[in-house]
Amino acid sequence: MMKCTFLGTGTSMGVPVAGGFGSEHISGDPRNERTRCSVWIETDQTSVIIDTGPEFRIQTIRSGVKKIDLVLITHEHMDHVAGLDDLRAFNYAQQGPIPLYTSGQALQSIQERFDYMFGDNKYPGSTSVDMSVIDEAHKFRDLQITPLPYNHGRINVQGYRINDFSYMTDVKSIPDKTKELVKGSKVMVLSGLRWQPEHPTHLTIPEAVEIADELNIPQTYLIHMNSYVDHEESNKQLPSHVQLAYDQMEITI
């Protein structure tokens, strides 16, 4: 059994954005308050985090994350890596570095932007991660982790299939080879920025539904929604097998 907790489900600016802008477009439903995207996956043996956004510290406190065995990073944009520094508390508690898997492109970017965490520049007490490139299926304890490469406009992003759970955020298009890797999943998580209009680097909600139908996934949850997407009203318009996720939502696979 695997438990998945959505730590954050919002787009790159969060919902509402700084200054409270965007809150006028949605109801006061707390599910419309979205921090930046991250998910926590737990089994009896393993605790895994996918992405560490700007609110990662707050997310771990409110969801009760106490141990992290592995971090997976989808790509180098700051709404997915800005919280890397908050891993240091887990380093102290666990008394050692945390393995981190990502793409070669993201690894290089992280080393450049967080240079004080690595090599001769490592600042005493800063976050310690053992970074590795993952570009093929890999066994980690009781989890089978398969990289899922796809396009996010001008860059490539790497989602992950973990056992029967496939997670892909910041999606614009998915190559056929990756779709084959996703097929057979029990749950898929897919980004759906807004209802309309089309976006140059993100799927709209209708486009995400088309992919879910094409891949015939039993249940798909959408993430990375912006301030114009109201949770309750959107779910009423969506088919039952495609629904919006929300911060702190828990599912079991």
C-alpha atoms as a PDB file:
ATOM      1  CA  MET A   1       0.000   0.000   0.000  1.00  0.00           C
ATOM      2  CA  MET A   2       1.182   3.502  -0.859  1.00  0.00           C
ATOM      3  CA  LYS A   3      -0.153   6.758   0.583  1.00  0.00           C
ATOM      4  CA  CYS A   4       0.193   9.974  -1.395  1.00  0.00           C
ATOM      5  CA  THR A   5      -0.278  13.411   0.164  1.00  0.00           C
ATOM      6  CA  PHE A   6      -0.530  16.458  -2.097  1.00  0.00           C
ATOM      7  CA  LEU A   7       1.618  19.000  -0.263  1.00  0.00           C
ATOM      8  CA  GLY A   8       0.932  21.688  -2.869  1.00  0.00           C
ATOM      9  CA  THR A   9      -1.201  21.942  -6.011  1.00  0.00           C
ATOM     10  CA  GLY A  10      -0.800  25.516  -7.263  1.00  0.00           C
ATOM     11  CA  THR A  11       0.791  27.135 -10.265  1.00  0.00           C
ATOM     12  CA  SER A  12       4.175  28.885 -10.180  1.00  0.00           C
ATOM     13  CA  MET A  13       2.852  32.015  -8.424  1.00  0.00           C
ATOM     14  CA  GLY A  14       0.630  30.141  -5.975  1.00  0.00           C
ATOM     15  CA  VAL A  15      -3.077  30.836  -5.383  1.00  0.00           C
ATOM     16  CA  PRO A  16      -3.788  33.551  -4.542  1.00  0.00           C
ATOM     17  CA  VAL A  17      -0.621  35.222  -5.761  1.00  0.00           C
ATOM     18  CA  ALA A  18       1.464  37.686  -3.752  1.00  0.00           C
ATOM     19  CA  GLY A  19      -0.638  40.625  -2.607  1.00  0.00           C
ATOM     20  CA  GLY A  20      -3.762  38.474  -2.570  1.00  0.00           C
ATOM     21  CA  PHE A  21      -4.323  39.052  -6.268  1.00  0.00           C
ATOM     22  CA  GLY A  22      -6.517  36.446  -7.950  1.00  0.00           C
ATOM     23  CA  SER A  23      -8.616  35.684  -4.873  1.00  0.00           C
ATOM     24  CA  GLU A  24     -11.449  37.680  -6.423  1.00  0.00           C
ATOM     25  CA  HIS A  25     -11.857  35.009  -9.092  1.00  0.00           C
ATOM     26  CA  ILE A  26     -12.514  32.062  -6.749  1.00  0.00           C
ATOM     27  CA  SER A  27     -14.737  31.225  -3.799  1.00  0.00           C
ATOM     28  CA  GLY A  28     -13.575  31.153  -0.186  1.00  0.00           C
ATOM     29  CA  ASP A  29     -13.293  27.368  -0.322  1.00  0.00           C
ATOM     30  CA  PRO A  30      -9.967  26.546   1.425  1.00  0.00           C
ATOM     31  CA  ARG A  31      -9.250  24.051  -1.367  1.00  0.00           C
ATOM     32  CA  ASN A  32      -8.707  27.098  -3.596  1.00  0.00           C
ATOM     33  CA  GLU A  33      -5.660  28.139  -1.570  1.00  0.00           C
ATOM     34  CA  ARG A  34      -2.815  26.428  -3.398  1.00  0.00           C
ATOM     35  CA  THR A  35       0.853  26.385  -2.490  1.00  0.00           C
ATOM     36  CA  ARG A  36       3.450  25.381  -5.074  1.00  0.00           C
ATOM     37  CA  CYS A  37       3.399  21.790  -6.334  1.00  0.00           C
ATOM     38  CA  SER A  38       4.888  18.980  -4.276  1.00  0.00           C
ATOM     39  CA  VAL A  39       3.796  15.490  -3.266  1.00  0.00           C
ATOM     40  CA  TRP A  40       4.753  13.150  -0.416  1.00  0.00           C
ATOM     41  CA  ILE A  41       4.716   9.393  -1.019  1.00  0.00           C
ATOM     42  CA  GLU A  42       4.843   6.939   1.869  1.00  0.00           C
ATOM     43  CA  THR A  43       5.038   3.174   2.168  1.00  0.00           C
ATOM     44  CA  ASP A  44       5.928   0.994   5.146  1.00  0.00           C
ATOM     45  CA  GLN A  45       9.585   1.262   4.147  1.00  0.00           C
ATOM     46  CA  THR A  46      10.033   4.537   2.301  1.00  0.00           C
ATOM     47  CA  SER A  47       9.237   8.269   2.432  1.00  0.00           C
ATOM     48  CA  VAL A  48       9.706  10.151  -0.852  1.00  0.00           C
ATOM     49  CA  ILE A  49       9.195  13.812  -1.772  1.00  0.00           C
ATOM     50  CA  ILE A  50       8.691  15.024  -5.332  1.00  0.00           C
ATOM     51  CA  ASP A  51       9.793  18.680  -5.651  1.00  0.00           C
ATOM     52  CA  THR A  52      10.597  21.195  -2.930  1.00  0.00           C
ATOM     53  CA  GLY A  53       8.880  24.481  -3.688  1.00  0.00           C
ATOM     54  CA  PRO A  54       8.986  27.843  -1.876  1.00  0.00           C
ATOM     55  CA  GLU A  55       6.472  26.749   0.812  1.00  0.00           C
ATOM     56  CA  PHE A  56       8.138  23.395   1.477  1.00  0.00           C
ATOM     57  CA  ARG A  57       8.832  24.171   5.155  1.00  0.00           C
ATOM     58  CA  ILE A  58       5.180  25.037   5.789  1.00  0.00           C
ATOM     59  CA  GLN A  59       3.984  22.039   3.780  1.00  0.00           C
ATOM     60  CA  THR A  60       6.043  19.581   5.828  1.00  0.00           C
ATOM     61  CA  ILE A  61       4.816  21.025   9.114  1.00  0.00           C
ATOM     62  CA  ARG A  62       1.129  20.948   8.281  1.00  0.00           C
ATOM     63  CA  SER A  63       1.277  17.477   6.727  1.00  0.00           C
ATOM     64  CA  GLY A  64       3.487  15.937   9.404  1.00  0.00           C
ATOM     65  CA  VAL A  65       6.502  14.957   7.289  1.00  0.00           C
ATOM     66  CA  LYS A  66       9.126  13.687   9.747  1.00  0.00           C
ATOM     67  CA  LYS A  67      11.495  11.660   7.560  1.00  0.00           C
ATOM     68  CA  ILE A  68      12.633  11.871   3.953  1.00  0.00           C
ATOM     69  CA  ASP A  69      14.480   8.941   2.389  1.00  0.00           C
ATOM     70  CA  LEU A  70      14.587  10.285  -1.171  1.00  0.00           C
ATOM     71  CA  VAL A  71      13.871  13.498  -3.075  1.00  0.00           C
ATOM     72  CA  LEU A  72      12.871  13.518  -6.740  1.00  0.00           C
ATOM     73  CA  ILE A  73      13.087  16.799  -8.669  1.00  0.00           C
ATOM     74  CA  THR A  74      11.110  17.257 -11.888  1.00  0.00           C
ATOM     75  CA  HIS A  75      12.945  20.330 -13.188  1.00  0.00           C
ATOM     76  CA  GLU A  76      14.931  23.377 -12.211  1.00  0.00           C
ATOM     77  CA  HIS A  77      12.279  26.114 -12.107  1.00  0.00           C
ATOM     78  CA  MET A  78      12.260  27.864  -8.748  1.00  0.00           C
ATOM     79  CA  ASP A  79       8.694  26.918  -7.872  1.00  0.00           C
ATOM     80  CA  HIS A  80       9.988  23.328  -7.753  1.00  0.00           C
ATOM     81  CA  VAL A  81      13.413  23.745  -6.107  1.00  0.00           C
ATOM     82  CA  ALA A  82      13.326  26.915  -3.974  1.00  0.00           C
ATOM     83  CA  GLY A  83      12.709  24.883  -0.807  1.00  0.00           C
ATOM     84  CA  LEU A  84      15.814  22.715  -1.098  1.00  0.00           C
ATOM     85  CA  ASP A  85      17.391  24.620   1.770  1.00  0.00           C
ATOM     86  CA  ASP A  86      14.613  23.403   4.087  1.00  0.00           C
ATOM     87  CA  LEU A  87      15.877  19.844   3.713  1.00  0.00           C
ATOM     88  CA  ARG A  88      18.698  20.672   6.132  1.00  0.00           C
ATOM     89  CA  ALA A  89      16.382  20.174   9.129  1.00  0.00           C
ATOM     90  CA  PHE A  90      15.891  16.601   7.930  1.00  0.00           C
ATOM     91  CA  ASN A  91      19.660  16.236   7.525  1.00  0.00           C
ATOM     92  CA  TYR A  92      20.070  17.154  11.181  1.00  0.00           C
ATOM     93  CA  ALA A  93      17.296  14.804  12.335  1.00  0.00           C
ATOM     94  CA  GLN A  94      18.485  11.919  10.164  1.00  0.00           C
ATOM     95  CA  GLN A  95      22.179  12.657  10.707  1.00  0.00           C
ATOM     96  CA  GLY A  96      23.197  12.400   7.081  1.00  0.00           C
ATOM     97  CA  PRO A  97      22.681  13.533   3.482  1.00  0.00           C
ATOM     98  CA  ILE A  98      19.502  12.733   1.551  1.00  0.00           C
ATOM     99  CA  PRO A  99      19.633  11.069  -1.884  1.00  0.00           C
ATOM    100  CA  LEU A 100      18.236  13.268  -4.653  1.00  0.00           C
ATOM    101  CA  TYR A 101      17.421  12.033  -8.170  1.00  0.00           C
ATOM    102  CA  THR A 102      16.757  14.298 -11.118  1.00  0.00           C
ATOM    103  CA  SER A 103      17.658  14.894 -14.770  1.00  0.00           C
ATOM    104  CA  GLY A 104      21.133  15.931 -15.898  1.00  0.00           C
ATOM    105  CA  GLN A 105      19.847  19.370 -16.877  1.00  0.00           C
ATOM    106  CA  ALA A 106      18.234  20.007 -13.491  1.00  0.00           C
ATOM    107  CA  LEU A 107      21.245  18.643 -11.597  1.00  0.00           C
ATOM    108  CA  GLN A 108      23.578  21.114 -13.279  1.00  0.00           C
ATOM    109  CA  SER A 109      21.207  24.012 -12.652  1.00  0.00           C
ATOM    110  CA  ILE A 110      20.830  23.138  -8.957  1.00  0.00           C
ATOM    111  CA  GLN A 111      24.594  22.901  -8.489  1.00  0.00           C
ATOM    112  CA  GLU A 112      25.052  26.327 -10.082  1.00  0.00           C
ATOM    113  CA  ARG A 113      22.263  28.150  -8.245  1.00  0.00           C
ATOM    114  CA  PHE A 114      22.799  26.462  -4.879  1.00  0.00           C
ATOM    115  CA  ASP A 115      26.575  26.387  -5.153  1.00  0.00           C
ATOM    116  CA  TYR A 116      26.971  26.955  -1.385  1.00  0.00           C
ATOM    117  CA  MET A 117      25.623  23.417  -0.817  1.00  0.00           C
ATOM    118  CA  PHE A 118      28.303  21.662  -2.859  1.00  0.00           C
ATOM    119  CA  GLY A 119      32.007  21.007  -3.167  1.00  0.00           C
ATOM    120  CA  ASP A 120      34.607  23.453  -1.928  1.00  0.00           C
ATOM    121  CA  ASN A 121      31.925  26.141  -1.590  1.00  0.00           C
ATOM    122  CA  LYS A 122      29.781  24.090   0.798  1.00  0.00           C
ATOM    123  CA  TYR A 123      28.730  26.279   3.688  1.00  0.00           C
ATOM    124  CA  PRO A 124      28.871  24.583   7.116  1.00  0.00           C
ATOM    125  CA  GLY A 125      25.445  23.342   8.155  1.00  0.00           C
ATOM    126  CA  SER A 126      23.827  23.820   4.738  1.00  0.00           C
ATOM    127  CA  THR A 127      21.619  21.186   3.137  1.00  0.00           C
ATOM    128  CA  SER A 128      23.363  17.937   2.217  1.00  0.00           C
ATOM    129  CA  VAL A 129      22.023  15.970  -0.748  1.00  0.00           C
ATOM    130  CA  ASP A 130      23.645  13.164  -2.725  1.00  0.00           C
ATOM    131  CA  MET A 131      22.515  14.091  -6.229  1.00  0.00           C
ATOM    132  CA  SER A 132      22.322  11.545  -9.027  1.00  0.00           C
ATOM    133  CA  VAL A 133      20.972  11.572 -12.555  1.00  0.00           C
ATOM    134  CA  ILE A 134      18.140   9.114 -13.080  1.00  0.00           C
ATOM    135  CA  ASP A 135      17.355   8.405 -16.722  1.00  0.00           C
ATOM    136  CA  GLU A 136      16.063   4.845 -16.570  1.00  0.00           C
ATOM    137  CA  ALA A 137      13.942   2.685 -14.274  1.00  0.00           C
ATOM    138  CA  HIS A 138      15.497   2.277 -10.845  1.00  0.00           C
ATOM    139  CA  LYS A 139      14.622   0.266  -7.744  1.00  0.00           C
ATOM    140  CA  PHE A 140      14.708   2.176  -4.451  1.00  0.00           C
ATOM    141  CA  ARG A 141      13.791  -0.015  -1.490  1.00  0.00           C
ATOM    142  CA  ASP A 142      10.187  -1.127  -2.128  1.00  0.00           C
ATOM    143  CA  LEU A 143       9.606   1.367  -4.954  1.00  0.00           C
ATOM    144  CA  GLN A 144      10.093   1.001  -8.692  1.00  0.00           C
ATOM    145  CA  ILE A 145      10.860   4.498  -9.985  1.00  0.00           C
ATOM    146  CA  THR A 146      10.614   5.177 -13.717  1.00  0.00           C
ATOM    147  CA  PRO A 147      11.525   8.601 -15.188  1.00  0.00           C
ATOM    148  CA  LEU A 148       8.830  10.116 -17.429  1.00  0.00           C
ATOM    149  CA  PRO A 149      10.345  12.730 -19.784  1.00  0.00           C
ATOM    150  CA  TYR A 150       8.084  15.254 -21.531  1.00  0.00           C
ATOM    151  CA  ASN A 151       7.983  18.828 -22.822  1.00  0.00           C
ATOM    152  CA  HIS A 152       7.308  22.048 -20.897  1.00  0.00           C
ATOM    153  CA  GLY A 153       7.614  24.577 -23.698  1.00  0.00           C
ATOM    154  CA  ARG A 154      11.257  25.599 -24.016  1.00  0.00           C
ATOM    155  CA  ILE A 155      12.596  23.008 -21.578  1.00  0.00           C
ATOM    156  CA  ASN A 156      12.202  19.315 -20.882  1.00  0.00           C
ATOM    157  CA  VAL A 157      10.806  18.072 -17.586  1.00  0.00           C
ATOM    158  CA  GLN A 158      11.044  14.654 -15.947  1.00  0.00           C
ATOM    159  CA  GLY A 159       8.034  13.264 -14.133  1.00  0.00           C
ATOM    160  CA  TYR A 160       8.078   9.938 -12.317  1.00  0.00           C
ATOM    161  CA  ARG A 161       6.120   6.743 -12.206  1.00  0.00           C
ATOM    162  CA  ILE A 162       6.407   5.208  -8.739  1.00  0.00           C
ATOM    163  CA  ASN A 163       4.890   1.726  -8.746  1.00  0.00           C
ATOM    164  CA  ASP A 164       1.333   2.367 -10.040  1.00  0.00           C
ATOM    165  CA  PHE A 165       1.397   6.137  -9.439  1.00  0.00           C
ATOM    166  CA  SER A 166       2.450   8.470 -12.277  1.00  0.00           C
ATOM    167  CA  TYR A 167       3.215  12.119 -11.534  1.00  0.00           C
ATOM    168  CA  MET A 168       3.688  14.735 -14.261  1.00  0.00           C
ATOM    169  CA  THR A 169       3.600  18.459 -13.578  1.00  0.00           C
ATOM    170  CA  ASP A 170       4.311  21.412 -15.902  1.00  0.00           C
ATOM    171  CA  VAL A 171       3.248  19.453 -18.971  1.00  0.00           C
ATOM    172  CA  LYS A 172       2.763  20.836 -22.464  1.00  0.00           C
ATOM    173  CA  SER A 173       3.163  17.668 -24.522  1.00  0.00           C
ATOM    174  CA  ILE A 174       3.990  14.029 -23.775  1.00  0.00           C
ATOM    175  CA  PRO A 175       5.881  11.861 -26.292  1.00  0.00           C
ATOM    176  CA  ASP A 176       4.414   8.492 -27.216  1.00  0.00           C
ATOM    177  CA  LYS A 177       7.285   6.642 -25.549  1.00  0.00           C
ATOM    178  CA  THR A 178       6.468   8.269 -22.222  1.00  0.00           C
ATOM    179  CA  LYS A 179       2.755   7.582 -22.648  1.00  0.00           C
ATOM    180  CA  GLU A 180       3.573   3.894 -22.940  1.00  0.00           C
ATOM    181  CA  LEU A 181       5.462   4.071 -19.636  1.00  0.00           C
ATOM    182  CA  VAL A 182       2.434   5.654 -17.945  1.00  0.00           C
ATOM    183  CA  LYS A 183      -0.132   3.183 -19.241  1.00  0.00           C
ATOM    184  CA  GLY A 184      -1.287   0.696 -16.641  1.00  0.00           C
ATOM    185  CA  SER A 185      -0.967   3.181 -13.770  1.00  0.00           C
ATOM    186  CA  LYS A 186      -3.810   3.168 -11.264  1.00  0.00           C
ATOM    187  CA  VAL A 187      -3.461   6.886 -10.587  1.00  0.00           C
ATOM    188  CA  MET A 188      -2.029   9.681 -12.724  1.00  0.00           C
ATOM    189  CA  VAL A 189      -1.321  13.230 -11.612  1.00  0.00           C
ATOM    190  CA  LEU A 190      -1.242  15.762 -14.421  1.00  0.00           C
ATOM    191  CA  SER A 191      -1.004  19.542 -14.571  1.00  0.00           C
ATOM    192  CA  GLY A 192      -3.980  21.524 -15.841  1.00  0.00           C
ATOM    193  CA  LEU A 193      -3.293  25.253 -15.628  1.00  0.00           C
ATOM    194  CA  ARG A 194      -6.676  26.726 -16.557  1.00  0.00           C
ATOM    195  CA  TRP A 195      -9.813  26.085 -18.573  1.00  0.00           C
ATOM    196  CA  GLN A 196      -8.901  28.488 -21.381  1.00  0.00           C
ATOM    197  CA  PRO A 197      -7.238  29.893 -23.436  1.00  0.00           C
ATOM    198  CA  GLU A 198      -4.430  27.616 -24.577  1.00  0.00           C
ATOM    199  CA  HIS A 199      -1.022  28.241 -23.003  1.00  0.00           C
ATOM    200  CA  PRO A 200       2.394  27.990 -24.708  1.00  0.00           C
ATOM    201  CA  THR A 201       4.008  25.871 -21.956  1.00  0.00           C
ATOM    202  CA  HIS A 202       1.147  24.220 -20.029  1.00  0.00           C
ATOM    203  CA  LEU A 203      -1.817  21.951 -20.699  1.00  0.00           C
ATOM    204  CA  THR A 204      -5.253  23.433 -20.216  1.00  0.00           C
ATOM    205  CA  ILE A 205      -7.739  21.420 -18.169  1.00  0.00           C
ATOM    206  CA  PRO A 206      -9.599  20.153 -21.280  1.00  0.00           C
ATOM    207  CA  GLU A 207      -6.282  19.078 -22.829  1.00  0.00           C
ATOM    208  CA  ALA A 208      -5.359  17.204 -19.649  1.00  0.00           C
ATOM    209  CA  VAL A 209      -8.725  15.403 -19.715  1.00  0.00           C
ATOM    210  CA  GLU A 210      -8.035  14.309 -23.297  1.00  0.00           C
ATOM    211  CA  ILE A 211      -4.727  12.750 -22.223  1.00  0.00           C
ATOM    212  CA  ALA A 212      -6.353  10.997 -19.264  1.00  0.00           C
ATOM    213  CA  ASP A 213      -8.983   9.530 -21.583  1.00  0.00           C
ATOM    214  CA  GLU A 214      -6.369   8.513 -24.148  1.00  0.00           C
ATOM    215  CA  LEU A 215      -4.244   6.679 -21.584  1.00  0.00           C
ATOM    216  CA  ASN A 216      -7.321   5.115 -19.938  1.00  0.00           C
ATOM    217  CA  ILE A 217      -6.095   5.765 -16.405  1.00  0.00           C
ATOM    218  CA  PRO A 218      -8.724   4.780 -13.778  1.00  0.00           C
ATOM    219  CA  GLN A 219      -8.224   8.008 -11.791  1.00  0.00           C
ATOM    220  CA  THR A 220      -6.461  11.245 -12.708  1.00  0.00           C
ATOM    221  CA  TYR A 221      -5.895  14.204 -10.395  1.00  0.00           C
ATOM    222  CA  LEU A 222      -5.081  17.645 -11.771  1.00  0.00           C
ATOM    223  CA  ILE A 223      -2.554  20.004 -10.183  1.00  0.00           C
ATOM    224  CA  HIS A 224      -0.794  23.307 -10.981  1.00  0.00           C
ATOM    225  CA  MET A 225      -4.070  25.266 -11.314  1.00  0.00           C
ATOM    226  CA  ASN A 226      -4.102  29.069 -11.370  1.00  0.00           C
ATOM    227  CA  SER A 227      -6.269  31.672  -9.647  1.00  0.00           C
ATOM    228  CA  TYR A 228      -9.077  31.399 -12.195  1.00  0.00           C
ATOM    229  CA  VAL A 229      -9.826  27.739 -11.397  1.00  0.00           C
ATOM    230  CA  ASP A 230     -12.446  27.264  -8.691  1.00  0.00           C
ATOM    231  CA  HIS A 231     -12.259  23.841  -7.068  1.00  0.00           C
ATOM    232  CA  GLU A 232     -15.918  22.973  -6.562  1.00  0.00           C
ATOM    233  CA  GLU A 233     -17.221  24.494  -9.785  1.00  0.00           C
ATOM    234  CA  SER A 234     -14.454  22.853 -11.840  1.00  0.00           C
ATOM    235  CA  ASN A 235     -15.015  19.395 -10.365  1.00  0.00           C
ATOM    236  CA  LYS A 236     -18.708  19.656 -11.257  1.00  0.00           C
ATOM    237  CA  GLN A 237     -17.706  20.138 -14.888  1.00  0.00           C
ATOM    238  CA  LEU A 238     -15.149  17.331 -14.922  1.00  0.00           C
ATOM    239  CA  PRO A 239     -15.781  13.597 -15.392  1.00  0.00           C
ATOM    240  CA  SER A 240     -15.568  11.542 -12.200  1.00  0.00           C
ATOM    241  CA  HIS A 241     -12.307   9.913 -13.293  1.00  0.00           C
ATOM    242  CA  VAL A 242     -10.611  13.327 -13.611  1.00  0.00           C
ATOM    243  CA  GLN A 243     -10.798  15.646 -10.604  1.00  0.00           C
ATOM    244  CA  LEU A 244      -8.810  18.515  -9.127  1.00  0.00           C
ATOM    245  CA  ALA A 245      -6.437  17.733  -6.280  1.00  0.00           C
ATOM    246  CA  TYR A 246      -6.041  20.153  -3.389  1.00  0.00           C
ATOM    247  CA  ASP A 247      -3.397  20.905  -0.768  1.00  0.00           C
ATOM    248  CA  GLN A 248      -3.180  18.217   1.950  1.00  0.00           C
ATOM    249  CA  MET A 249      -5.433  15.840   0.013  1.00  0.00           C
ATOM    250  CA  GLU A 250      -4.505  12.205   0.749  1.00  0.00           C
ATOM    251  CA  ILE A 251      -5.055   9.175  -1.465  1.00  0.00           C
ATOM    252  CA  THR A 252      -4.115   5.527  -1.026  1.00  0.00           C
ATOM    253  CA  ILE A 253      -3.032   3.214  -3.811  1.00  0.00           C
END
